[in-house]
Amino acid sequence: MRNVLVAAAGAAMLLAAPISEAVAQSTDGLNRWVNINNVSQSRTVLTLYAVPSHVRAARISGRDLLPGVTIRPGQSYAVNFDDGQGTCYFDLRATSMNGDWVRRNVNVCGLSHWDLL
């Protein structure tokens, strides 16, 4: 089962799109891929949103970074947060039927994973 999840996470890395609709990628060479790990016992991740921290949005919303994807307990999904602008700090919100997970001012250039409990 673990091999299936690892293979699925690898395939997800190839399929996950940058957060920006633009084709441009940042040229600073920093890695903005973050594994979203659902380590909760019963909550399924339904959506994921990111806003650059400097925007200071009261509500973190926008385009869902998991279009058509859910992350069930025990699963992971790789997301590329490269917005083409060199942004490293984002406010993140993941949603489930039972509430949200929120992290503000997250350095995605220095973070390899986000564990959702």
N, C-alpha and C. Protein backbone atom coordinates (compact mmCIF):
# COMPACT_ATOMS: atom_id res chain seq x y z
N MET A 1 0.82 -1.19 0.00
CA MET A 1 0.00 0.00 0.00
C MET A 1 0.87 1.25 0.00
N ARG A 2 1.97 1.21 0.77
CA ARG A 2 2.85 2.37 0.84
C ARG A 2 3.44 2.68 -0.53
N ASN A 3 3.82 1.65 -1.29
CA ASN A 3 4.37 1.87 -2.62
C ASN A 3 3.37 2.53 -3.54
N VAL A 4 2.09 2.18 -3.39
CA VAL A 4 1.05 2.79 -4.20
C VAL A 4 0.95 4.27 -3.89
N LEU A 5 0.98 4.63 -2.60
CA LEU A 5 0.89 6.03 -2.21
C LEU A 5 2.10 6.82 -2.68
N VAL A 6 3.30 6.22 -2.57
CA VAL A 6 4.50 6.90 -3.04
C VAL A 6 4.43 7.10 -4.54
N ALA A 7 3.99 6.10 -5.28
CA ALA A 7 3.86 6.23 -6.73
C ALA A 7 2.82 7.29 -7.07
N ALA A 8 1.72 7.31 -6.34
CA ALA A 8 0.68 8.31 -6.58
C ALA A 8 1.20 9.70 -6.29
N ALA A 9 1.98 9.85 -5.23
CA ALA A 9 2.55 11.16 -4.91
C ALA A 9 3.52 11.59 -5.99
N GLY A 10 4.31 10.66 -6.54
CA GLY A 10 5.22 10.99 -7.61
C GLY A 10 4.48 11.43 -8.86
N ALA A 11 3.41 10.73 -9.18
CA ALA A 11 2.60 11.11 -10.34
C ALA A 11 1.95 12.47 -10.11
N ALA A 12 1.54 12.73 -8.88
CA ALA A 12 0.92 14.01 -8.56
C ALA A 12 1.90 15.14 -8.77
N MET A 13 3.19 14.92 -8.46
CA MET A 13 4.19 15.96 -8.67
C MET A 13 4.27 16.34 -10.14
N LEU A 14 4.09 15.37 -11.01
CA LEU A 14 4.15 15.66 -12.43
C LEU A 14 2.90 16.39 -12.92
N LEU A 15 1.78 16.17 -12.23
CA LEU A 15 0.52 16.72 -12.69
C LEU A 15 0.14 18.04 -12.02
N ALA A 16 0.65 18.29 -10.82
CA ALA A 16 0.27 19.51 -10.11
C ALA A 16 0.81 20.72 -10.83
N ALA A 17 -0.04 21.71 -11.02
CA ALA A 17 0.35 22.91 -11.75
C ALA A 17 0.84 23.98 -10.78
N PRO A 18 1.67 24.91 -11.28
CA PRO A 18 2.05 26.04 -10.44
C PRO A 18 0.81 26.81 -10.02
N ILE A 19 0.90 27.57 -8.92
CA ILE A 19 -0.29 28.24 -8.43
C ILE A 19 -0.75 29.34 -9.35
N SER A 20 0.13 29.88 -10.14
CA SER A 20 -0.24 30.93 -11.07
C SER A 20 -0.76 30.33 -12.36
N GLU A 21 -1.70 30.99 -12.98
CA GLU A 21 -2.18 30.57 -14.29
C GLU A 21 -1.11 30.85 -15.35
N ALA A 22 -0.17 31.75 -15.02
CA ALA A 22 0.88 32.11 -15.96
C ALA A 22 1.84 30.94 -16.16
N VAL A 23 2.44 30.87 -17.33
CA VAL A 23 3.38 29.81 -17.65
C VAL A 23 4.75 30.10 -17.04
N ALA A 24 5.06 31.35 -16.80
CA ALA A 24 6.37 31.75 -16.30
C ALA A 24 6.69 31.11 -14.95
N GLN A 25 7.93 30.73 -14.78
CA GLN A 25 8.42 30.19 -13.53
C GLN A 25 9.44 31.15 -12.95
N SER A 26 9.59 31.15 -11.64
CA SER A 26 10.60 31.98 -11.01
C SER A 26 11.97 31.52 -11.48
N THR A 27 12.89 32.47 -11.60
CA THR A 27 14.22 32.16 -12.13
C THR A 27 15.29 32.08 -11.04
N ASP A 28 14.87 32.09 -9.78
CA ASP A 28 15.84 32.09 -8.68
C ASP A 28 16.35 30.70 -8.33
N GLY A 29 15.79 29.65 -8.94
CA GLY A 29 16.25 28.29 -8.70
C GLY A 29 15.78 27.66 -7.40
N LEU A 30 14.91 28.34 -6.66
CA LEU A 30 14.42 27.80 -5.39
C LEU A 30 13.29 26.80 -5.63
N ASN A 31 13.29 25.76 -4.83
CA ASN A 31 12.27 24.72 -4.90
C ASN A 31 11.03 25.17 -4.13
N ARG A 32 9.89 25.21 -4.80
CA ARG A 32 8.63 25.60 -4.17
C ARG A 32 7.63 24.45 -4.13
N TRP A 33 8.10 23.22 -4.31
CA TRP A 33 7.25 22.04 -4.20
C TRP A 33 7.10 21.68 -2.73
N VAL A 34 5.86 21.49 -2.30
CA VAL A 34 5.57 21.11 -0.91
C VAL A 34 4.62 19.91 -0.94
N ASN A 35 4.96 18.88 -0.17
CA ASN A 35 4.06 17.73 -0.02
C ASN A 35 3.03 18.07 1.04
N ILE A 36 1.78 17.99 0.67
CA ILE A 36 0.67 18.19 1.61
C ILE A 36 0.32 16.80 2.13
N ASN A 37 0.62 16.54 3.40
CA ASN A 37 0.42 15.23 4.01
C ASN A 37 -0.81 15.25 4.92
N ASN A 38 -1.79 14.45 4.60
CA ASN A 38 -2.97 14.35 5.45
C ASN A 38 -2.70 13.25 6.48
N VAL A 39 -2.30 13.67 7.67
CA VAL A 39 -2.01 12.71 8.74
C VAL A 39 -3.15 12.65 9.75
N SER A 40 -4.29 13.25 9.41
CA SER A 40 -5.46 13.16 10.28
C SER A 40 -6.01 11.75 10.25
N GLN A 41 -6.83 11.43 11.22
CA GLN A 41 -7.43 10.10 11.29
C GLN A 41 -8.70 9.98 10.45
N SER A 42 -9.41 11.11 10.26
CA SER A 42 -10.72 10.98 9.64
C SER A 42 -11.11 12.11 8.69
N ARG A 43 -10.30 13.15 8.56
CA ARG A 43 -10.67 14.30 7.74
C ARG A 43 -10.04 14.21 6.34
N THR A 44 -10.85 14.39 5.31
CA THR A 44 -10.38 14.40 3.93
C THR A 44 -10.19 15.84 3.48
N VAL A 45 -9.03 16.14 2.92
CA VAL A 45 -8.75 17.48 2.40
C VAL A 45 -9.50 17.64 1.08
N LEU A 46 -10.31 18.70 1.00
CA LEU A 46 -11.12 18.94 -0.19
C LEU A 46 -10.55 20.02 -1.09
N THR A 47 -10.00 21.08 -0.49
CA THR A 47 -9.47 22.19 -1.27
C THR A 47 -8.21 22.73 -0.60
N LEU A 48 -7.39 23.43 -1.39
CA LEU A 48 -6.19 24.07 -0.89
C LEU A 48 -6.06 25.42 -1.57
N TYR A 49 -5.85 26.46 -0.77
CA TYR A 49 -5.71 27.82 -1.29
C TYR A 49 -4.42 28.42 -0.76
N ALA A 50 -3.84 29.34 -1.55
CA ALA A 50 -2.63 30.05 -1.13
C ALA A 50 -2.71 31.49 -1.61
N VAL A 51 -2.30 32.40 -0.74
CA VAL A 51 -2.23 33.82 -1.06
C VAL A 51 -0.86 34.30 -0.62
N PRO A 52 -0.14 35.05 -1.46
CA PRO A 52 1.14 35.60 -0.99
C PRO A 52 0.95 36.35 0.32
N SER A 53 1.82 36.10 1.28
CA SER A 53 1.66 36.68 2.62
C SER A 53 1.62 38.19 2.62
N HIS A 54 2.34 38.82 1.70
CA HIS A 54 2.37 40.29 1.68
C HIS A 54 1.01 40.90 1.30
N VAL A 55 0.10 40.10 0.75
CA VAL A 55 -1.23 40.59 0.40
C VAL A 55 -2.06 40.85 1.66
N ARG A 56 -1.78 40.10 2.73
CA ARG A 56 -2.48 40.24 4.01
C ARG A 56 -3.99 40.09 3.87
N ALA A 57 -4.40 39.03 3.20
CA ALA A 57 -5.83 38.77 2.98
C ALA A 57 -6.48 38.31 4.28
N ALA A 58 -7.65 38.86 4.58
CA ALA A 58 -8.39 38.45 5.77
C ALA A 58 -8.87 37.00 5.60
N ARG A 59 -9.26 36.64 4.39
CA ARG A 59 -9.70 35.27 4.10
C ARG A 59 -8.82 34.73 2.97
N ILE A 60 -8.26 33.58 3.19
CA ILE A 60 -7.39 32.94 2.19
C ILE A 60 -8.28 32.19 1.22
N SER A 61 -8.35 32.68 -0.01
CA SER A 61 -9.21 32.05 -1.02
C SER A 61 -8.57 32.22 -2.38
N GLY A 62 -9.33 31.96 -3.41
CA GLY A 62 -8.82 32.05 -4.77
C GLY A 62 -9.03 30.75 -5.50
N ARG A 63 -8.10 30.43 -6.40
CA ARG A 63 -8.19 29.21 -7.18
C ARG A 63 -7.79 28.02 -6.32
N ASP A 64 -8.60 26.97 -6.38
CA ASP A 64 -8.29 25.73 -5.65
C ASP A 64 -7.06 25.09 -6.29
N LEU A 65 -6.05 24.81 -5.46
CA LEU A 65 -4.82 24.19 -5.96
C LEU A 65 -4.93 22.67 -6.06
N LEU A 66 -6.09 22.13 -5.69
CA LEU A 66 -6.33 20.69 -5.79
C LEU A 66 -7.56 20.43 -6.68
N PRO A 67 -7.59 20.96 -7.88
CA PRO A 67 -8.79 20.80 -8.70
C PRO A 67 -9.06 19.33 -9.02
N GLY A 68 -10.21 18.86 -8.57
CA GLY A 68 -10.60 17.48 -8.82
C GLY A 68 -9.86 16.45 -7.98
N VAL A 69 -9.11 16.89 -6.98
CA VAL A 69 -8.31 15.99 -6.14
C VAL A 69 -8.78 16.11 -4.70
N THR A 70 -8.86 14.99 -4.02
CA THR A 70 -9.04 15.00 -2.57
C THR A 70 -7.86 14.24 -1.97
N ILE A 71 -7.48 14.63 -0.76
CA ILE A 71 -6.39 13.95 -0.06
C ILE A 71 -7.00 13.26 1.16
N ARG A 72 -7.14 11.97 1.07
CA ARG A 72 -7.74 11.18 2.15
C ARG A 72 -6.72 10.98 3.28
N PRO A 73 -7.20 10.63 4.48
CA PRO A 73 -6.27 10.36 5.59
C PRO A 73 -5.19 9.36 5.17
N GLY A 74 -3.94 9.70 5.48
CA GLY A 74 -2.82 8.84 5.14
C GLY A 74 -2.23 9.09 3.77
N GLN A 75 -2.84 9.97 2.97
CA GLN A 75 -2.34 10.25 1.63
C GLN A 75 -1.59 11.58 1.59
N SER A 76 -0.82 11.78 0.52
CA SER A 76 -0.08 13.02 0.29
C SER A 76 -0.29 13.47 -1.14
N TYR A 77 -0.07 14.77 -1.36
CA TYR A 77 -0.16 15.34 -2.70
C TYR A 77 0.87 16.45 -2.79
N ALA A 78 1.66 16.45 -3.85
CA ALA A 78 2.71 17.46 -4.04
C ALA A 78 2.14 18.65 -4.79
N VAL A 79 2.43 19.85 -4.30
CA VAL A 79 1.95 21.09 -4.91
C VAL A 79 3.14 22.00 -5.19
N ASN A 80 3.16 22.59 -6.37
CA ASN A 80 4.17 23.57 -6.74
C ASN A 80 3.59 24.96 -6.51
N PHE A 81 4.14 25.69 -5.54
CA PHE A 81 3.63 27.01 -5.20
C PHE A 81 4.32 28.12 -5.99
N ASP A 82 5.05 27.79 -7.04
CA ASP A 82 5.75 28.79 -7.83
C ASP A 82 4.74 29.67 -8.57
N ASP A 83 4.73 30.96 -8.23
CA ASP A 83 3.79 31.88 -8.86
C ASP A 83 4.45 32.68 -9.99
N GLY A 84 5.71 32.38 -10.30
CA GLY A 84 6.41 33.09 -11.36
C GLY A 84 6.92 34.45 -10.94
N GLN A 85 6.67 34.84 -9.69
CA GLN A 85 7.06 36.15 -9.19
C GLN A 85 8.18 36.07 -8.16
N GLY A 86 8.66 34.87 -7.87
CA GLY A 86 9.71 34.70 -6.88
C GLY A 86 9.20 34.70 -5.44
N THR A 87 7.90 34.57 -5.25
CA THR A 87 7.30 34.59 -3.92
C THR A 87 7.66 33.30 -3.17
N CYS A 88 8.09 33.46 -1.92
CA CYS A 88 8.37 32.31 -1.07
C CYS A 88 7.39 32.21 0.10
N TYR A 89 6.83 33.31 0.54
CA TYR A 89 5.96 33.31 1.72
C TYR A 89 4.50 33.40 1.31
N PHE A 90 3.73 32.40 1.78
CA PHE A 90 2.31 32.32 1.47
C PHE A 90 1.50 32.07 2.74
N ASP A 91 0.25 32.52 2.72
CA ASP A 91 -0.74 32.12 3.70
C ASP A 91 -1.51 30.96 3.07
N LEU A 92 -1.62 29.85 3.79
CA LEU A 92 -2.22 28.64 3.25
C LEU A 92 -3.48 28.26 4.00
N ARG A 93 -4.47 27.73 3.26
CA ARG A 93 -5.69 27.21 3.88
C ARG A 93 -6.10 25.95 3.15
N ALA A 94 -6.25 24.88 3.90
CA ALA A 94 -6.79 23.62 3.39
C ALA A 94 -8.14 23.41 4.06
N THR A 95 -9.10 22.88 3.30
CA THR A 95 -10.44 22.71 3.86
C THR A 95 -10.85 21.24 3.87
N SER A 96 -11.76 20.94 4.81
CA SER A 96 -12.40 19.63 4.88
C SER A 96 -13.85 19.86 5.28
N MET A 97 -14.63 18.81 5.31
CA MET A 97 -16.02 18.94 5.73
C MET A 97 -16.11 19.34 7.21
N ASN A 98 -15.05 19.08 7.99
CA ASN A 98 -15.08 19.32 9.43
C ASN A 98 -14.27 20.54 9.85
N GLY A 99 -13.95 21.43 8.92
CA GLY A 99 -13.20 22.63 9.28
C GLY A 99 -11.98 22.83 8.42
N ASP A 100 -11.22 23.86 8.74
CA ASP A 100 -10.06 24.25 7.94
C ASP A 100 -8.77 24.12 8.72
N TRP A 101 -7.68 23.96 7.96
CA TRP A 101 -6.33 24.09 8.50
C TRP A 101 -5.79 25.39 7.91
N VAL A 102 -5.18 26.24 8.74
CA VAL A 102 -4.65 27.51 8.26
C VAL A 102 -3.24 27.69 8.79
N ARG A 103 -2.33 28.12 7.91
CA ARG A 103 -0.98 28.52 8.31
C ARG A 103 -0.67 29.82 7.60
N ARG A 104 -0.15 30.77 8.34
CA ARG A 104 0.19 32.07 7.75
C ARG A 104 1.70 32.23 7.68
N ASN A 105 2.13 33.01 6.68
CA ASN A 105 3.54 33.36 6.51
C ASN A 105 4.43 32.11 6.40
N VAL A 106 4.03 31.18 5.55
CA VAL A 106 4.75 29.92 5.36
C VAL A 106 5.80 30.11 4.27
N ASN A 107 7.05 29.78 4.58
CA ASN A 107 8.14 29.87 3.61
C ASN A 107 8.16 28.56 2.80
N VAL A 108 7.49 28.56 1.64
CA VAL A 108 7.43 27.34 0.83
C VAL A 108 8.78 27.04 0.17
N CYS A 109 9.69 28.01 0.15
CA CYS A 109 11.03 27.78 -0.40
C CYS A 109 11.90 26.99 0.59
N GLY A 110 11.48 26.93 1.83
CA GLY A 110 12.24 26.21 2.85
C GLY A 110 11.45 25.11 3.53
N LEU A 111 10.28 24.80 2.99
CA LEU A 111 9.39 23.80 3.59
C LEU A 111 9.23 22.64 2.63
N SER A 112 9.47 21.43 3.08
CA SER A 112 9.32 20.27 2.20
C SER A 112 7.94 19.64 2.33
N HIS A 113 7.27 19.84 3.49
CA HIS A 113 5.96 19.24 3.67
C HIS A 113 5.13 20.03 4.69
N TRP A 114 3.83 19.87 4.59
CA TRP A 114 2.87 20.44 5.54
C TRP A 114 2.00 19.28 6.00
N ASP A 115 2.13 18.92 7.28
CA ASP A 115 1.34 17.83 7.86
C ASP A 115 0.03 18.38 8.40
N LEU A 116 -1.06 17.89 7.88
CA LEU A 116 -2.39 18.31 8.33
C LEU A 116 -2.88 17.28 9.32
N LEU A 117 -3.01 17.69 10.60
CA LEU A 117 -3.43 16.78 11.66
C LEU A 117 -4.93 16.73 11.79
